């Protein structure tokens, strides 16, 4: 276990993900400045279920912009998932929160390549339906984490992905999600096409009795 500065947010940061943040609150400006000066990481507990429990440690990659009033835009990279065992707000004499965390493994076991292929195929179909362009090349995807924010999960469903220690568990969960989502999109598209036909002259072949 270790003690770390904590920045609770209503998001889920997946390991390996780039997380861009706009820092404006005085206490979090202090947190970021301390991390920069000490070359330290900080944690983002995911406050999506109104509790401080799971989160992800992140490192600051770049300060993209510093404003005159001390606000800043920063780029970070998410590292490892963790569980919070103690949460202190404030953290000692600091303005911001901190806590005692312990990392847990999210890469246990070998990935089932057939499941990964099925997931990639279904994700490709989804992006085709949505006309989505701001996504990685599906052929390069190696984990659900790569596009976990792009496939229609609710925040609490994204949060659940952090619970899984094996990629195969995440793949099974994501495939079940897409198995429900894709047919719903198809039905919605068919309904939309029928609505578009209303009010237009229809060229129909006569019925033959």
C-alpha atoms as a PDB file:
ATOM      1  CA  UNK A   1       0.000   0.000   0.000  1.00  0.00           C
ATOM      2  CA  UNK A   2       1.014   3.618  -0.403  1.00  0.00           C
ATOM      3  CA  UNK A   3      -0.318   7.087   0.321  1.00  0.00           C
ATOM      4  CA  UNK A   4      -1.126   9.287  -2.655  1.00  0.00           C
ATOM      5  CA  UNK A   5      -2.868  12.556  -3.519  1.00  0.00           C
ATOM      6  CA  UNK A   6      -6.437  11.929  -4.693  1.00  0.00           C
ATOM      7  CA  UNK A   7      -8.519  13.895  -7.203  1.00  0.00           C
ATOM      8  CA  UNK A   8     -12.024  12.336  -7.146  1.00  0.00           C
ATOM      9  CA  UNK A   9     -13.893  12.761 -10.435  1.00  0.00           C
ATOM     10  CA  UNK A  10     -17.136  11.507 -11.903  1.00  0.00           C
ATOM     11  CA  UNK A  11     -15.267   9.545 -14.573  1.00  0.00           C
ATOM     12  CA  UNK A  12     -13.619   6.161 -14.999  1.00  0.00           C
ATOM     13  CA  UNK A  13     -10.003   6.288 -16.159  1.00  0.00           C
ATOM     14  CA  UNK A  14      -8.926   3.036 -17.803  1.00  0.00           C
ATOM     15  CA  UNK A  15      -5.299   1.874 -17.445  1.00  0.00           C
ATOM     16  CA  UNK A  16      -3.318   3.056 -20.464  1.00  0.00           C
ATOM     17  CA  UNK A  17      -5.783   5.811 -21.308  1.00  0.00           C
ATOM     18  CA  UNK A  18      -4.807   9.428 -22.012  1.00  0.00           C
ATOM     19  CA  UNK A  19      -6.792  11.706 -19.681  1.00  0.00           C
ATOM     20  CA  UNK A  20      -6.866  15.454 -20.389  1.00  0.00           C
ATOM     21  CA  UNK A  21      -7.961  17.707 -17.536  1.00  0.00           C
ATOM     22  CA  UNK A  22      -8.711  21.402 -17.066  1.00  0.00           C
ATOM     23  CA  UNK A  23      -7.611  22.379 -13.558  1.00  0.00           C
ATOM     24  CA  UNK A  24      -9.339  25.412 -12.044  1.00  0.00           C
ATOM     25  CA  UNK A  25     -10.165  24.821  -8.366  1.00  0.00           C
ATOM     26  CA  UNK A  26      -7.499  26.254  -6.004  1.00  0.00           C
ATOM     27  CA  UNK A  27      -7.061  22.971  -4.095  1.00  0.00           C
ATOM     28  CA  UNK A  28      -6.509  21.007  -7.284  1.00  0.00           C
ATOM     29  CA  UNK A  29      -4.170  23.632  -8.697  1.00  0.00           C
ATOM     30  CA  UNK A  30      -2.166  23.066  -5.507  1.00  0.00           C
ATOM     31  CA  UNK A  31      -2.343  19.281  -6.002  1.00  0.00           C
ATOM     32  CA  UNK A  32      -1.038  19.466  -9.564  1.00  0.00           C
ATOM     33  CA  UNK A  33       1.708  21.941  -8.665  1.00  0.00           C
ATOM     34  CA  UNK A  34       2.850  19.678  -5.806  1.00  0.00           C
ATOM     35  CA  UNK A  35       2.912  16.664  -8.149  1.00  0.00           C
ATOM     36  CA  UNK A  36       4.921  18.638 -10.727  1.00  0.00           C
ATOM     37  CA  UNK A  37       7.426  19.827  -8.136  1.00  0.00           C
ATOM     38  CA  UNK A  38       7.809  16.385  -6.578  1.00  0.00           C
ATOM     39  CA  UNK A  39       7.552  14.446  -9.860  1.00  0.00           C
ATOM     40  CA  UNK A  40       4.754  12.493  -8.183  1.00  0.00           C
ATOM     41  CA  UNK A  41       1.689  10.738  -9.495  1.00  0.00           C
ATOM     42  CA  UNK A  42      -1.862  11.194  -8.193  1.00  0.00           C
ATOM     43  CA  UNK A  43      -4.998   9.094  -8.127  1.00  0.00           C
ATOM     44  CA  UNK A  44      -8.398   9.588  -9.718  1.00  0.00           C
ATOM     45  CA  UNK A  45     -11.001   7.735  -7.635  1.00  0.00           C
ATOM     46  CA  UNK A  46     -14.053   7.138  -9.820  1.00  0.00           C
ATOM     47  CA  UNK A  47     -16.926   8.810  -7.990  1.00  0.00           C
ATOM     48  CA  UNK A  48     -19.643   7.369 -10.234  1.00  0.00           C
ATOM     49  CA  UNK A  49     -21.463   5.381  -7.541  1.00  0.00           C
ATOM     50  CA  UNK A  50     -21.266   8.156  -4.924  1.00  0.00           C
ATOM     51  CA  UNK A  51     -18.478   6.432  -3.048  1.00  0.00           C
ATOM     52  CA  UNK A  52     -14.686   6.437  -2.923  1.00  0.00           C
ATOM     53  CA  UNK A  53     -13.584   2.882  -3.641  1.00  0.00           C
ATOM     54  CA  UNK A  54     -11.910   2.156  -6.992  1.00  0.00           C
ATOM     55  CA  UNK A  55      -9.762   4.423  -9.117  1.00  0.00           C
ATOM     56  CA  UNK A  56      -6.691   4.750 -11.307  1.00  0.00           C
ATOM     57  CA  UNK A  57      -3.253   6.203 -10.665  1.00  0.00           C
ATOM     58  CA  UNK A  58      -2.138   8.730 -13.286  1.00  0.00           C
ATOM     59  CA  UNK A  59       1.081  10.499 -14.188  1.00  0.00           C
ATOM     60  CA  UNK A  60       1.322  14.011 -15.600  1.00  0.00           C
ATOM     61  CA  UNK A  61       2.670  13.891 -19.145  1.00  0.00           C
ATOM     62  CA  UNK A  62       2.448  17.558 -20.100  1.00  0.00           C
ATOM     63  CA  UNK A  63       1.113  20.930 -19.003  1.00  0.00           C
ATOM     64  CA  UNK A  64      -0.470  22.014 -22.270  1.00  0.00           C
ATOM     65  CA  UNK A  65      -1.444  25.509 -21.180  1.00  0.00           C
ATOM     66  CA  UNK A  66      -0.944  27.652 -18.107  1.00  0.00           C
ATOM     67  CA  UNK A  67      -3.350  30.554 -17.592  1.00  0.00           C
ATOM     68  CA  UNK A  68      -2.508  33.839 -15.862  1.00  0.00           C
ATOM     69  CA  UNK A  69      -4.836  33.032 -12.942  1.00  0.00           C
ATOM     70  CA  UNK A  70      -3.134  29.675 -12.299  1.00  0.00           C
ATOM     71  CA  UNK A  71      -5.622  27.506 -14.152  1.00  0.00           C
ATOM     72  CA  UNK A  72      -4.028  24.905 -16.384  1.00  0.00           C
ATOM     73  CA  UNK A  73      -4.722  22.294 -19.019  1.00  0.00           C
ATOM     74  CA  UNK A  74      -2.814  19.079 -18.409  1.00  0.00           C
ATOM     75  CA  UNK A  75      -2.346  15.769 -20.178  1.00  0.00           C
ATOM     76  CA  UNK A  76      -2.024  12.656 -18.068  1.00  0.00           C
ATOM     77  CA  UNK A  77      -1.677   8.933 -18.666  1.00  0.00           C
ATOM     78  CA  UNK A  78      -3.577   6.410 -16.566  1.00  0.00           C
ATOM     79  CA  UNK A  79      -1.338   3.730 -15.095  1.00  0.00           C
ATOM     80  CA  UNK A  80      -2.731   1.097 -12.719  1.00  0.00           C
ATOM     81  CA  UNK A  81      -6.123   0.547 -11.122  1.00  0.00           C
ATOM     82  CA  UNK A  82      -6.324   0.683  -7.342  1.00  0.00           C
ATOM     83  CA  UNK A  83      -8.644   0.292  -4.386  1.00  0.00           C
ATOM     84  CA  UNK A  84      -8.885   3.022  -1.752  1.00  0.00           C
ATOM     85  CA  UNK A  85      -8.512   1.781   1.819  1.00  0.00           C
ATOM     86  CA  UNK A  86      -8.356   5.158   3.580  1.00  0.00           C
ATOM     87  CA  UNK A  87      -9.585   8.530   2.332  1.00  0.00           C
ATOM     88  CA  UNK A  88      -8.616  11.787   4.005  1.00  0.00           C
ATOM     89  CA  UNK A  89     -10.036  15.165   3.037  1.00  0.00           C
ATOM     90  CA  UNK A  90      -7.995  17.197   3.557  1.00  0.00           C
ATOM     91  CA  UNK A  91      -4.821  15.151   3.489  1.00  0.00           C
ATOM     92  CA  UNK A  92      -2.920  16.365   6.522  1.00  0.00           C
ATOM     93  CA  UNK A  93      -2.074  20.050   6.155  1.00  0.00           C
ATOM     94  CA  UNK A  94      -2.632  20.018   2.401  1.00  0.00           C
ATOM     95  CA  UNK A  95      -5.621  21.704   0.746  1.00  0.00           C
ATOM     96  CA  UNK A  96      -6.586  18.588  -1.196  1.00  0.00           C
ATOM     97  CA  UNK A  97      -7.553  14.990  -0.487  1.00  0.00           C
ATOM     98  CA  UNK A  98      -5.324  11.960  -0.192  1.00  0.00           C
ATOM     99  CA  UNK A  99      -5.548   8.372   0.818  1.00  0.00           C
ATOM    100  CA  UNK A 100      -4.033   4.943   1.245  1.00  0.00           C
ATOM    101  CA  UNK A 101      -4.348   2.797  -1.873  1.00  0.00           C
ATOM    102  CA  UNK A 102      -3.356  -0.642  -3.074  1.00  0.00           C
ATOM    103  CA  UNK A 103      -2.996  -1.554  -6.737  1.00  0.00           C
ATOM    104  CA  UNK A 104      -4.627  -4.634  -8.170  1.00  0.00           C
ATOM    105  CA  UNK A 105      -3.901  -6.561 -11.360  1.00  0.00           C
ATOM    106  CA  UNK A 106      -6.092  -6.075 -14.428  1.00  0.00           C
ATOM    107  CA  UNK A 107      -3.955  -8.251 -16.741  1.00  0.00           C
ATOM    108  CA  UNK A 108      -4.282 -11.756 -15.322  1.00  0.00           C
ATOM    109  CA  UNK A 109      -4.430 -14.671 -17.747  1.00  0.00           C
ATOM    110  CA  UNK A 110      -4.064 -14.881 -21.525  1.00  0.00           C
ATOM    111  CA  UNK A 111      -6.533 -13.179 -23.819  1.00  0.00           C
ATOM    112  CA  UNK A 112      -8.912 -15.449 -25.727  1.00  0.00           C
ATOM    113  CA  UNK A 113      -8.178 -14.326 -29.296  1.00  0.00           C
ATOM    114  CA  UNK A 114     -11.497 -15.619 -30.639  1.00  0.00           C
ATOM    115  CA  UNK A 115     -13.357 -13.457 -28.108  1.00  0.00           C
ATOM    116  CA  UNK A 116     -11.153 -10.481 -28.958  1.00  0.00           C
ATOM    117  CA  UNK A 117     -11.911 -10.962 -32.676  1.00  0.00           C
ATOM    118  CA  UNK A 118     -15.652 -11.159 -31.949  1.00  0.00           C
ATOM    119  CA  UNK A 119     -15.471  -7.982 -29.865  1.00  0.00           C
ATOM    120  CA  UNK A 120     -13.555  -6.115 -32.586  1.00  0.00           C
ATOM    121  CA  UNK A 121     -16.039  -7.230 -35.248  1.00  0.00           C
ATOM    122  CA  UNK A 122     -19.003  -6.086 -33.165  1.00  0.00           C
ATOM    123  CA  UNK A 123     -17.306  -2.774 -32.309  1.00  0.00           C
ATOM    124  CA  UNK A 124     -16.685  -2.202 -36.012  1.00  0.00           C
ATOM    125  CA  UNK A 125     -20.381  -2.770 -36.723  1.00  0.00           C
ATOM    126  CA  UNK A 126     -21.308  -0.321 -33.969  1.00  0.00           C
ATOM    127  CA  UNK A 127     -19.039   2.397 -35.330  1.00  0.00           C
ATOM    128  CA  UNK A 128     -20.494   1.758 -38.782  1.00  0.00           C
ATOM    129  CA  UNK A 129     -24.024   2.326 -37.481  1.00  0.00           C
ATOM    130  CA  UNK A 130     -23.025   5.488 -35.654  1.00  0.00           C
ATOM    131  CA  UNK A 131     -20.789   6.869 -38.368  1.00  0.00           C
ATOM    132  CA  UNK A 132     -18.169   7.268 -35.656  1.00  0.00           C
ATOM    133  CA  UNK A 133     -14.759   8.467 -36.828  1.00  0.00           C
ATOM    134  CA  UNK A 134     -12.996   9.500 -33.610  1.00  0.00           C
ATOM    135  CA  UNK A 135     -11.988   5.962 -32.655  1.00  0.00           C
ATOM    136  CA  UNK A 136      -8.796   3.918 -32.960  1.00  0.00           C
ATOM    137  CA  UNK A 137      -8.359   1.616 -35.923  1.00  0.00           C
ATOM    138  CA  UNK A 138     -10.290  -1.485 -34.814  1.00  0.00           C
ATOM    139  CA  UNK A 139      -7.489  -3.701 -36.128  1.00  0.00           C
ATOM    140  CA  UNK A 140      -5.148  -2.235 -33.487  1.00  0.00           C
ATOM    141  CA  UNK A 141      -7.429  -2.903 -30.495  1.00  0.00           C
ATOM    142  CA  UNK A 142      -5.922  -5.281 -27.945  1.00  0.00           C
ATOM    143  CA  UNK A 143      -8.199  -4.613 -24.955  1.00  0.00           C
ATOM    144  CA  UNK A 144     -11.694  -3.476 -24.075  1.00  0.00           C
ATOM    145  CA  UNK A 145      -9.963  -0.597 -22.285  1.00  0.00           C
ATOM    146  CA  UNK A 146      -8.848   0.763 -25.686  1.00  0.00           C
ATOM    147  CA  UNK A 147     -12.405   1.750 -26.659  1.00  0.00           C
ATOM    148  CA  UNK A 148     -14.322   1.270 -23.417  1.00  0.00           C
ATOM    149  CA  UNK A 149     -15.613   4.860 -23.560  1.00  0.00           C
ATOM    150  CA  UNK A 150     -16.766   4.521 -27.166  1.00  0.00           C
ATOM    151  CA  UNK A 151     -19.224   1.614 -27.085  1.00  0.00           C
ATOM    152  CA  UNK A 152     -22.149   3.016 -25.145  1.00  0.00           C
ATOM    153  CA  UNK A 153     -21.428   1.914 -21.603  1.00  0.00           C
ATOM    154  CA  UNK A 154     -23.051   3.852 -18.778  1.00  0.00           C
ATOM    155  CA  UNK A 155     -20.600   5.250 -16.191  1.00  0.00           C
ATOM    156  CA  UNK A 156     -21.525   2.532 -13.703  1.00  0.00           C
ATOM    157  CA  UNK A 157     -20.843  -0.103 -16.406  1.00  0.00           C
ATOM    158  CA  UNK A 158     -17.456   1.433 -17.148  1.00  0.00           C
ATOM    159  CA  UNK A 159     -16.788   1.331 -13.412  1.00  0.00           C
ATOM    160  CA  UNK A 160     -17.533  -2.381 -13.382  1.00  0.00           C
ATOM    161  CA  UNK A 161     -14.793  -2.979 -15.955  1.00  0.00           C
ATOM    162  CA  UNK A 162     -12.244  -1.920 -13.330  1.00  0.00           C
ATOM    163  CA  UNK A 163     -13.405  -4.790 -11.101  1.00  0.00           C
ATOM    164  CA  UNK A 164     -12.337  -7.445 -13.596  1.00  0.00           C
ATOM    165  CA  UNK A 165      -8.817  -8.811 -13.223  1.00  0.00           C
ATOM    166  CA  UNK A 166      -8.891 -10.692 -16.543  1.00  0.00           C
ATOM    167  CA  UNK A 167      -9.258  -9.336 -20.059  1.00  0.00           C
ATOM    168  CA  UNK A 168     -11.503 -12.283 -20.921  1.00  0.00           C
ATOM    169  CA  UNK A 169     -13.965 -11.154 -18.234  1.00  0.00           C
ATOM    170  CA  UNK A 170     -14.035  -7.670 -19.758  1.00  0.00           C
ATOM    171  CA  UNK A 171     -14.485  -9.120 -23.246  1.00  0.00           C
ATOM    172  CA  UNK A 172     -17.389 -11.307 -22.136  1.00  0.00           C
ATOM    173  CA  UNK A 173     -19.027  -8.315 -20.429  1.00  0.00           C
ATOM    174  CA  UNK A 174     -18.534  -6.042 -23.460  1.00  0.00           C
ATOM    175  CA  UNK A 175     -19.774  -8.663 -25.939  1.00  0.00           C
ATOM    176  CA  UNK A 176     -22.982  -9.178 -23.927  1.00  0.00           C
ATOM    177  CA  UNK A 177     -23.455  -5.399 -23.924  1.00  0.00           C
ATOM    178  CA  UNK A 178     -23.027  -5.164 -27.712  1.00  0.00           C
ATOM    179  CA  UNK A 179     -25.306  -8.164 -28.286  1.00  0.00           C
ATOM    180  CA  UNK A 180     -28.113  -6.076 -26.748  1.00  0.00           C
ATOM    181  CA  UNK A 181     -27.086  -2.721 -28.207  1.00  0.00           C
ATOM    182  CA  UNK A 182     -26.610  -3.622 -31.876  1.00  0.00           C
ATOM    183  CA  UNK A 183     -30.102  -5.118 -32.452  1.00  0.00           C
ATOM    184  CA  UNK A 184     -31.635  -2.092 -30.684  1.00  0.00           C
ATOM    185  CA  UNK A 185     -29.786   0.232 -33.053  1.00  0.00           C
ATOM    186  CA  UNK A 186     -30.973  -1.804 -36.015  1.00  0.00           C
ATOM    187  CA  UNK A 187     -34.584  -1.596 -34.831  1.00  0.00           C
ATOM    188  CA  UNK A 188     -34.248   2.153 -34.276  1.00  0.00           C
ATOM    189  CA  UNK A 189     -32.802   2.590 -37.764  1.00  0.00           C
ATOM    190  CA  UNK A 190     -35.652   0.596 -39.342  1.00  0.00           C
ATOM    191  CA  UNK A 191     -38.209   2.673 -37.422  1.00  0.00           C
ATOM    192  CA  UNK A 192     -36.518   5.864 -38.594  1.00  0.00           C
ATOM    193  CA  UNK A 193     -36.690   4.699 -42.208  1.00  0.00           C
ATOM    194  CA  UNK A 194     -40.412   3.943 -41.862  1.00  0.00           C
ATOM    195  CA  UNK A 195     -41.026   7.383 -40.364  1.00  0.00           C
ATOM    196  CA  UNK A 196     -39.251   8.986 -43.318  1.00  0.00           C
ATOM    197  CA  UNK A 197     -41.633   7.210 -45.706  1.00  0.00           C
ATOM    198  CA  UNK A 198     -44.735   8.718 -44.112  1.00  0.00           C
ATOM    199  CA  UNK A 199     -46.235  11.465 -46.270  1.00  0.00           C
ATOM    200  CA  UNK A 200     -44.429  10.360 -49.426  1.00  0.00           C
ATOM    201  CA  UNK A 201     -45.966   8.730 -52.490  1.00  0.00           C
ATOM    202  CA  UNK A 202     -45.305   5.031 -52.360  1.00  0.00           C
ATOM    203  CA  UNK A 203     -44.691   2.981 -55.482  1.00  0.00           C
ATOM    204  CA  UNK A 204     -46.001  -0.444 -54.562  1.00  0.00           C
ATOM    205  CA  UNK A 205     -46.704  -3.513 -56.621  1.00  0.00           C
ATOM    206  CA  UNK A 206     -50.416  -4.505 -56.534  1.00  0.00           C
ATOM    207  CA  UNK A 207     -51.261  -7.600 -54.585  1.00  0.00           C
ATOM    208  CA  UNK A 208     -52.077 -10.622 -56.671  1.00  0.00           C
ATOM    209  CA  UNK A 209     -54.949 -12.739 -55.379  1.00  0.00           C
END
